[in-house]
Amino acid sequence: GTLLQNVACNGDPAMVHPMAGVRDALSALRGAGFAVG
């Protein structure tokens, strides 16, 4: 629901979809020297 779309008990990689804005957030944080988890 924050990093990935919320799929209950998901074990299928085909159902992995990033939430809107996540790529931009990760890029900005990595560029500023943050570890991300």
PDB file of all heavy atoms in Angstrom:
ATOM      1  N   GLY A   1       0.797  -1.215   0.000  1.00  0.00           N
ATOM      2  CA  GLY A   1       0.000   0.000   0.000  1.00  0.00           C
ATOM      3  C   GLY A   1       0.830   1.266   0.000  1.00  0.00           C
ATOM      4  O   GLY A   1       0.288   2.344  -0.250  1.00  0.00           O
ATOM      5  N   THR A   2       2.130   1.168   0.279  1.00  0.00           N
ATOM      6  CA  THR A   2       3.009   2.342   0.266  1.00  0.00           C
ATOM      7  C   THR A   2       4.084   2.185  -0.798  1.00  0.00           C
ATOM      8  O   THR A   2       4.191   3.007  -1.706  1.00  0.00           O
ATOM      9  CB  THR A   2       3.666   2.559   1.644  1.00  0.00           C
ATOM     10  OG1 THR A   2       2.649   2.714   2.637  1.00  0.00           O
ATOM     11  CG2 THR A   2       4.547   3.805   1.626  1.00  0.00           C
ATOM     12  N   LEU A   3       4.883   1.130  -0.716  1.00  0.00           N
ATOM     13  CA  LEU A   3       5.890   0.861  -1.743  1.00  0.00           C
ATOM     14  C   LEU A   3       5.266   0.131  -2.928  1.00  0.00           C
ATOM     15  O   LEU A   3       5.490   0.492  -4.085  1.00  0.00           O
ATOM     16  CB  LEU A   3       7.023   0.021  -1.165  1.00  0.00           C
ATOM     17  CG  LEU A   3       8.218  -0.184  -2.102  1.00  0.00           C
ATOM     18  CD1 LEU A   3       9.170   1.006  -2.010  1.00  0.00           C
ATOM     19  CD2 LEU A   3       8.957  -1.487  -1.788  1.00  0.00           C
ATOM     20  N   LEU A   4       4.477  -0.905  -2.627  1.00  0.00           N
ATOM     21  CA  LEU A   4       3.848  -1.733  -3.653  1.00  0.00           C
ATOM     22  C   LEU A   4       2.337  -1.722  -3.492  1.00  0.00           C
ATOM     23  O   LEU A   4       1.823  -1.509  -2.386  1.00  0.00           O
ATOM     24  CB  LEU A   4       4.344  -3.185  -3.540  1.00  0.00           C
ATOM     25  CG  LEU A   4       5.859  -3.413  -3.566  1.00  0.00           C
ATOM     26  CD1 LEU A   4       6.157  -4.883  -3.333  1.00  0.00           C
ATOM     27  CD2 LEU A   4       6.457  -2.929  -4.878  1.00  0.00           C
ATOM     28  N   GLN A   5       1.644  -1.976  -4.589  1.00  0.00           N
ATOM     29  CA  GLN A   5       0.195  -2.119  -4.503  1.00  0.00           C
ATOM     30  C   GLN A   5      -0.136  -3.268  -3.561  1.00  0.00           C
ATOM     31  O   GLN A   5       0.548  -4.294  -3.539  1.00  0.00           O
ATOM     32  CB  GLN A   5      -0.396  -2.373  -5.886  1.00  0.00           C
ATOM     33  CG  GLN A   5      -0.289  -1.175  -6.815  1.00  0.00           C
ATOM     34  CD  GLN A   5      -0.884  -1.441  -8.182  1.00  0.00           C
ATOM     35  OE1 GLN A   5      -1.601  -2.417  -8.401  1.00  0.00           O
ATOM     36  NE2 GLN A   5      -0.582  -0.579  -9.140  1.00  0.00           N
ATOM     37  N   ASN A   6      -1.168  -3.078  -2.785  1.00  0.00           N
ATOM     38  CA  ASN A   6      -1.512  -4.031  -1.724  1.00  0.00           C
ATOM     39  C   ASN A   6      -2.249  -5.234  -2.307  1.00  0.00           C
ATOM     40  O   ASN A   6      -3.395  -5.135  -2.737  1.00  0.00           O
ATOM     41  CB  ASN A   6      -2.378  -3.343  -0.671  1.00  0.00           C
ATOM     42  CG  ASN A   6      -2.539  -4.186   0.571  1.00  0.00           C
ATOM     43  OD1 ASN A   6      -2.078  -5.324   0.636  1.00  0.00           O
ATOM     44  ND2 ASN A   6      -3.185  -3.632   1.580  1.00  0.00           N
ATOM     45  N   VAL A   7      -1.557  -6.360  -2.328  1.00  0.00           N
ATOM     46  CA  VAL A   7      -2.153  -7.638  -2.733  1.00  0.00           C
ATOM     47  C   VAL A   7      -2.001  -8.578  -1.543  1.00  0.00           C
ATOM     48  O   VAL A   7      -0.881  -8.943  -1.171  1.00  0.00           O
ATOM     49  CB  VAL A   7      -1.463  -8.230  -3.972  1.00  0.00           C
ATOM     50  CG1 VAL A   7      -2.088  -9.572  -4.342  1.00  0.00           C
ATOM     51  CG2 VAL A   7      -1.530  -7.247  -5.141  1.00  0.00           C
ATOM     52  N   ALA A   8      -3.095  -8.967  -0.937  1.00  0.00           N
ATOM     53  CA  ALA A   8      -3.037  -9.743   0.304  1.00  0.00           C
ATOM     54  C   ALA A   8      -2.278 -11.045   0.116  1.00  0.00           C
ATOM     55  O   ALA A   8      -2.510 -11.789  -0.841  1.00  0.00           O
ATOM     56  CB  ALA A   8      -4.451 -10.024   0.813  1.00  0.00           C
ATOM     57  N   CYS A   9      -1.336 -11.311   1.032  1.00  0.00           N
ATOM     58  CA  CYS A   9      -0.580 -12.577   1.051  1.00  0.00           C
ATOM     59  C   CYS A   9       0.031 -12.882  -0.309  1.00  0.00           C
ATOM     60  O   CYS A   9       0.015 -14.021  -0.773  1.00  0.00           O
ATOM     61  CB  CYS A   9      -1.465 -13.731   1.512  1.00  0.00           C
ATOM     62  SG  CYS A   9      -2.174 -13.518   3.155  1.00  0.00           S
ATOM     63  N   ASN A  10       0.591 -11.877  -0.950  1.00  0.00           N
ATOM     64  CA  ASN A  10       1.089 -12.074  -2.304  1.00  0.00           C
ATOM     65  C   ASN A  10       2.393 -12.865  -2.327  1.00  0.00           C
ATOM     66  O   ASN A  10       3.369 -12.509  -1.667  1.00  0.00           O
ATOM     67  CB  ASN A  10       1.320 -10.717  -2.984  1.00  0.00           C
ATOM     68  CG  ASN A  10       1.756 -10.891  -4.426  1.00  0.00           C
ATOM     69  OD1 ASN A  10       1.342 -11.846  -5.091  1.00  0.00           O
ATOM     70  ND2 ASN A  10       2.589  -9.983  -4.912  1.00  0.00           N
ATOM     71  N   GLY A  11       2.406 -13.934  -3.116  1.00  0.00           N
ATOM     72  CA  GLY A  11       3.618 -14.686  -3.361  1.00  0.00           C
ATOM     73  C   GLY A  11       3.937 -14.771  -4.841  1.00  0.00           C
ATOM     74  O   GLY A  11       4.820 -15.530  -5.247  1.00  0.00           O
ATOM     75  N   ASP A  12       3.236 -13.986  -5.654  1.00  0.00           N
ATOM     76  CA  ASP A  12       3.361 -14.040  -7.106  1.00  0.00           C
ATOM     77  C   ASP A  12       4.070 -12.791  -7.613  1.00  0.00           C
ATOM     78  O   ASP A  12       3.533 -11.683  -7.523  1.00  0.00           O
ATOM     79  CB  ASP A  12       1.977 -14.145  -7.729  1.00  0.00           C
ATOM     80  CG  ASP A  12       2.001 -14.251  -9.247  1.00  0.00           C
ATOM     81  OD1 ASP A  12       3.106 -14.216  -9.831  1.00  0.00           O
ATOM     82  OD2 ASP A  12       0.918 -14.368  -9.845  1.00  0.00           O
ATOM     83  N   PRO A  13       5.278 -12.914  -8.153  1.00  0.00           N
ATOM     84  CA  PRO A  13       5.985 -11.716  -8.637  1.00  0.00           C
ATOM     85  C   PRO A  13       5.254 -10.982  -9.755  1.00  0.00           C
ATOM     86  O   PRO A  13       5.472  -9.787  -9.954  1.00  0.00           O
ATOM     87  CB  PRO A  13       7.334 -12.278  -9.110  1.00  0.00           C
ATOM     88  CG  PRO A  13       7.102 -13.733  -9.339  1.00  0.00           C
ATOM     89  CD  PRO A  13       6.061 -14.144  -8.344  1.00  0.00           C
ATOM     90  N   ALA A  14       4.388 -11.678 -10.485  1.00  0.00           N
ATOM     91  CA  ALA A  14       3.633 -11.015 -11.539  1.00  0.00           C
ATOM     92  C   ALA A  14       2.642 -10.008 -10.985  1.00  0.00           C
ATOM     93  O   ALA A  14       2.155  -9.141 -11.725  1.00  0.00           O
ATOM     94  CB  ALA A  14       2.907 -12.057 -12.392  1.00  0.00           C
ATOM     95  N   MET A  15       2.333 -10.119  -9.697  1.00  0.00           N
ATOM     96  CA  MET A  15       1.384  -9.202  -9.061  1.00  0.00           C
ATOM     97  C   MET A  15       2.077  -8.041  -8.356  1.00  0.00           C
ATOM     98  O   MET A  15       1.445  -7.287  -7.627  1.00  0.00           O
ATOM     99  CB  MET A  15       0.534  -9.968  -8.051  1.00  0.00           C
ATOM    100  CG  MET A  15      -0.307 -11.078  -8.651  1.00  0.00           C
ATOM    101  SD  MET A  15      -1.589 -10.428  -9.751  1.00  0.00           S
ATOM    102  CE  MET A  15      -2.684  -9.664  -8.544  1.00  0.00           C
ATOM    103  N   VAL A  16       3.372  -7.897  -8.575  1.00  0.00           N
ATOM    104  CA  VAL A  16       4.136  -6.825  -7.936  1.00  0.00           C
ATOM    105  C   VAL A  16       4.085  -5.577  -8.814  1.00  0.00           C
ATOM    106  O   VAL A  16       4.580  -5.592  -9.952  1.00  0.00           O
ATOM    107  CB  VAL A  16       5.598  -7.255  -7.701  1.00  0.00           C
ATOM    108  CG1 VAL A  16       6.425  -6.090  -7.179  1.00  0.00           C
ATOM    109  CG2 VAL A  16       5.650  -8.431  -6.728  1.00  0.00           C
ATOM    110  N   HIS A  17       3.488  -4.521  -8.285  1.00  0.00           N
ATOM    111  CA  HIS A  17       3.382  -3.254  -9.007  1.00  0.00           C
ATOM    112  C   HIS A  17       3.683  -2.111  -8.050  1.00  0.00           C
ATOM    113  O   HIS A  17       3.040  -1.997  -6.999  1.00  0.00           O
ATOM    114  CB  HIS A  17       1.986  -3.071  -9.597  1.00  0.00           C
ATOM    115  CG  HIS A  17       1.566  -4.182 -10.521  1.00  0.00           C
ATOM    116  ND1 HIS A  17       2.112  -4.353 -11.773  1.00  0.00           N
ATOM    117  CD2 HIS A  17       0.668  -5.194 -10.351  1.00  0.00           C
ATOM    118  CE1 HIS A  17       1.569  -5.403 -12.355  1.00  0.00           C
ATOM    119  NE2 HIS A  17       0.691  -5.943 -11.509  1.00  0.00           N
ATOM    120  N   PRO A  18       4.647  -1.242  -8.359  1.00  0.00           N
ATOM    121  CA  PRO A  18       4.973  -0.124  -7.471  1.00  0.00           C
ATOM    122  C   PRO A  18       3.831   0.881  -7.382  1.00  0.00           C
ATOM    123  O   PRO A  18       3.075   1.072  -8.337  1.00  0.00           O
ATOM    124  CB  PRO A  18       6.203   0.508  -8.124  1.00  0.00           C
ATOM    125  CG  PRO A  18       6.751  -0.549  -9.034  1.00  0.00           C
ATOM    126  CD  PRO A  18       5.567  -1.336  -9.505  1.00  0.00           C
ATOM    127  N   MET A  19       3.726   1.526  -6.237  1.00  0.00           N
ATOM    128  CA  MET A  19       2.765   2.599  -6.067  1.00  0.00           C
ATOM    129  C   MET A  19       3.255   3.850  -6.796  1.00  0.00           C
ATOM    130  O   MET A  19       4.456   4.028  -7.026  1.00  0.00           O
ATOM    131  CB  MET A  19       2.582   2.913  -4.582  1.00  0.00           C
ATOM    132  CG  MET A  19       1.957   1.776  -3.780  1.00  0.00           C
ATOM    133  SD  MET A  19       0.233   1.435  -4.238  1.00  0.00           S
ATOM    134  CE  MET A  19      -0.577   2.913  -3.621  1.00  0.00           C
ATOM    135  N   ALA A  20       2.325   4.708  -7.159  1.00  0.00           N
ATOM    136  CA  ALA A  20       2.671   5.949  -7.842  1.00  0.00           C
ATOM    137  C   ALA A  20       3.598   6.790  -6.960  1.00  0.00           C
ATOM    138  O   ALA A  20       3.369   6.927  -5.758  1.00  0.00           O
ATOM    139  CB  ALA A  20       1.405   6.737  -8.165  1.00  0.00           C
ATOM    140  N   GLY A  21       4.617   7.347  -7.570  1.00  0.00           N
ATOM    141  CA  GLY A  21       5.530   8.234  -6.862  1.00  0.00           C
ATOM    142  C   GLY A  21       6.686   7.548  -6.171  1.00  0.00           C
ATOM    143  O   GLY A  21       7.608   8.218  -5.694  1.00  0.00           O
ATOM    144  N   VAL A  22       6.678   6.213  -6.117  1.00  0.00           N
ATOM    145  CA  VAL A  22       7.722   5.492  -5.389  1.00  0.00           C
ATOM    146  C   VAL A  22       9.074   5.643  -6.079  1.00  0.00           C
ATOM    147  O   VAL A  22      10.100   5.853  -5.417  1.00  0.00           O
ATOM    148  CB  VAL A  22       7.346   4.010  -5.223  1.00  0.00           C
ATOM    149  CG1 VAL A  22       8.551   3.181  -4.828  1.00  0.00           C
ATOM    150  CG2 VAL A  22       6.258   3.871  -4.168  1.00  0.00           C
ATOM    151  N   ARG A  23       9.112   5.529  -7.394  1.00  0.00           N
ATOM    152  CA  ARG A  23      10.398   5.629  -8.091  1.00  0.00           C
ATOM    153  C   ARG A  23      11.036   6.996  -7.857  1.00  0.00           C
ATOM    154  O   ARG A  23      12.251   7.100  -7.612  1.00  0.00           O
ATOM    155  CB  ARG A  23      10.211   5.373  -9.581  1.00  0.00           C
ATOM    156  CG  ARG A  23       9.918   3.920  -9.933  1.00  0.00           C
ATOM    157  CD  ARG A  23       9.909   3.723 -11.440  1.00  0.00           C
ATOM    158  NE  ARG A  23       9.721   2.322 -11.809  1.00  0.00           N
ATOM    159  CZ  ARG A  23       8.549   1.759 -12.010  1.00  0.00           C
ATOM    160  NH1 ARG A  23       7.427   2.473 -11.867  1.00  0.00           N
ATOM    161  NH2 ARG A  23       8.452   0.474 -12.338  1.00  0.00           N
ATOM    162  N   ASP A  24      10.246   8.050  -7.929  1.00  0.00           N
ATOM    163  CA  ASP A  24      10.777   9.392  -7.695  1.00  0.00           C
ATOM    164  C   ASP A  24      11.276   9.528  -6.264  1.00  0.00           C
ATOM    165  O   ASP A  24      12.324  10.143  -6.015  1.00  0.00           O
ATOM    166  CB  ASP A  24       9.706  10.440  -7.967  1.00  0.00           C
ATOM    167  CG  ASP A  24       9.384  10.584  -9.461  1.00  0.00           C
ATOM    168  OD1 ASP A  24      10.211  10.143 -10.288  1.00  0.00           O
ATOM    169  OD2 ASP A  24       8.310  11.125  -9.781  1.00  0.00           O
ATOM    170  N   ALA A  25      10.533   8.971  -5.319  1.00  0.00           N
ATOM    171  CA  ALA A  25      10.935   9.056  -3.911  1.00  0.00           C
ATOM    172  C   ALA A  25      12.260   8.340  -3.685  1.00  0.00           C
ATOM    173  O   ALA A  25      13.178   8.874  -3.045  1.00  0.00           O
ATOM    174  CB  ALA A  25       9.850   8.464  -3.020  1.00  0.00           C
ATOM    175  N   LEU A  26      12.391   7.131  -4.214  1.00  0.00           N
ATOM    176  CA  LEU A  26      13.620   6.370  -4.028  1.00  0.00           C
ATOM    177  C   LEU A  26      14.809   7.062  -4.680  1.00  0.00           C
ATOM    178  O   LEU A  26      15.907   7.109  -4.108  1.00  0.00           O
ATOM    179  CB  LEU A  26      13.450   4.964  -4.595  1.00  0.00           C
ATOM    180  CG  LEU A  26      12.476   4.049  -3.856  1.00  0.00           C
ATOM    181  CD1 LEU A  26      12.292   2.742  -4.626  1.00  0.00           C
ATOM    182  CD2 LEU A  26      12.955   3.765  -2.440  1.00  0.00           C
ATOM    183  N   SER A  27      14.603   7.603  -5.864  1.00  0.00           N
ATOM    184  CA  SER A  27      15.683   8.291  -6.556  1.00  0.00           C
ATOM    185  C   SER A  27      16.179   9.484  -5.748  1.00  0.00           C
ATOM    186  O   SER A  27      17.397   9.698  -5.604  1.00  0.00           O
ATOM    187  CB  SER A  27      15.210   8.742  -7.939  1.00  0.00           C
ATOM    188  OG  SER A  27      16.215   9.473  -8.616  1.00  0.00           O
ATOM    189  N   ALA A  28      15.239  10.271  -5.204  1.00  0.00           N
ATOM    190  CA  ALA A  28      15.626  11.446  -4.428  1.00  0.00           C
ATOM    191  C   ALA A  28      16.352  11.060  -3.146  1.00  0.00           C
ATOM    192  O   ALA A  28      17.362  11.673  -2.775  1.00  0.00           O
ATOM    193  CB  ALA A  28      14.380  12.275  -4.108  1.00  0.00           C
ATOM    194  N   LEU A  29      15.856  10.044  -2.479  1.00  0.00           N
ATOM    195  CA  LEU A  29      16.463   9.632  -1.205  1.00  0.00           C
ATOM    196  C   LEU A  29      17.847   9.026  -1.412  1.00  0.00           C
ATOM    197  O   LEU A  29      18.788   9.321  -0.665  1.00  0.00           O
ATOM    198  CB  LEU A  29      15.542   8.646  -0.495  1.00  0.00           C
ATOM    199  CG  LEU A  29      14.210   9.226  -0.017  1.00  0.00           C
ATOM    200  CD1 LEU A  29      13.260   8.114   0.415  1.00  0.00           C
ATOM    201  CD2 LEU A  29      14.433  10.220   1.123  1.00  0.00           C
ATOM    202  N   ARG A  30      17.979   8.180  -2.419  1.00  0.00           N
ATOM    203  CA  ARG A  30      19.298   7.602  -2.705  1.00  0.00           C
ATOM    204  C   ARG A  30      20.290   8.695  -3.082  1.00  0.00           C
ATOM    205  O   ARG A  30      21.456   8.663  -2.665  1.00  0.00           O
ATOM    206  CB  ARG A  30      19.178   6.580  -3.831  1.00  0.00           C
ATOM    207  CG  ARG A  30      18.463   5.289  -3.442  1.00  0.00           C
ATOM    208  CD  ARG A  30      18.171   4.451  -4.670  1.00  0.00           C
ATOM    209  NE  ARG A  30      17.512   3.180  -4.348  1.00  0.00           N
ATOM    210  CZ  ARG A  30      16.617   2.590  -5.122  1.00  0.00           C
ATOM    211  NH1 ARG A  30      16.248   3.151  -6.271  1.00  0.00           N
ATOM    212  NH2 ARG A  30      16.071   1.435  -4.758  1.00  0.00           N
ATOM    213  N   GLY A  31      19.831   9.659  -3.868  1.00  0.00           N
ATOM    214  CA  GLY A  31      20.714  10.738  -4.275  1.00  0.00           C
ATOM    215  C   GLY A  31      21.184  11.580  -3.111  1.00  0.00           C
ATOM    216  O   GLY A  31      22.249  12.204  -3.182  1.00  0.00           O
ATOM    217  N   ALA A  32      20.411  11.623  -2.041  1.00  0.00           N
ATOM    218  CA  ALA A  32      20.766  12.394  -0.856  1.00  0.00           C
ATOM    219  C   ALA A  32      21.558  11.568   0.155  1.00  0.00           C
ATOM    220  O   ALA A  32      21.840  12.041   1.252  1.00  0.00           O
ATOM    221  CB  ALA A  32      19.500  12.946  -0.199  1.00  0.00           C
ATOM    222  N   GLY A  33      21.895  10.332  -0.187  1.00  0.00           N
ATOM    223  CA  GLY A  33      22.725   9.527   0.687  1.00  0.00           C
ATOM    224  C   GLY A  33      21.997   8.694   1.709  1.00  0.00           C
ATOM    225  O   GLY A  33      22.618   8.173   2.639  1.00  0.00           O
ATOM    226  N   PHE A  34      20.679   8.538   1.553  1.00  0.00           N
ATOM    227  CA  PHE A  34      19.910   7.727   2.490  1.00  0.00           C
ATOM    228  C   PHE A  34      19.946   6.252   2.111  1.00  0.00           C
ATOM    229  O   PHE A  34      19.869   5.910   0.928  1.00  0.00           O
ATOM    230  CB  PHE A  34      18.441   8.172   2.527  1.00  0.00           C
ATOM    231  CG  PHE A  34      18.191   9.405   3.322  1.00  0.00           C
ATOM    232  CD1 PHE A  34      18.287  10.655   2.733  1.00  0.00           C
ATOM    233  CD2 PHE A  34      17.847   9.327   4.664  1.00  0.00           C
ATOM    234  CE1 PHE A  34      18.050  11.809   3.463  1.00  0.00           C
ATOM    235  CE2 PHE A  34      17.608  10.466   5.400  1.00  0.00           C
ATOM    236  CZ  PHE A  34      17.717  11.714   4.802  1.00  0.00           C
ATOM    237  N   ALA A  35      20.041   5.392   3.098  1.00  0.00           N
ATOM    238  CA  ALA A  35      19.725   3.981   2.889  1.00  0.00           C
ATOM    239  C   ALA A  35      18.205   3.862   2.823  1.00  0.00           C
ATOM    240  O   ALA A  35      17.479   4.630   3.468  1.00  0.00           O
ATOM    241  CB  ALA A  35      20.269   3.137   4.032  1.00  0.00           C
ATOM    242  N   VAL A  36      17.721   2.908   2.037  1.00  0.00           N
ATOM    243  CA  VAL A  36      16.276   2.708   1.925  1.00  0.00           C
ATOM    244  C   VAL A  36      15.948   1.260   2.277  1.00  0.00           C
ATOM    245  O   VAL A  36      16.666   0.330   1.914  1.00  0.00           O
ATOM    246  CB  VAL A  36      15.743   3.063   0.520  1.00  0.00           C
ATOM    247  CG1 VAL A  36      15.878   4.555   0.259  1.00  0.00           C
ATOM    248  CG2 VAL A  36      16.469   2.275  -0.564  1.00  0.00           C
ATOM    249  N   GLY A  37      14.874   1.092   3.013  1.00  0.00           N
ATOM    250  CA  GLY A  37      14.451  -0.233   3.428  1.00  0.00           C
ATOM    251  C   GLY A  37      12.951  -0.371   3.399  1.00  0.00           C
ATOM    252  O   GLY A  37      12.217   0.591   3.118  1.00  0.00           O
TER     253      GLY A  37
END
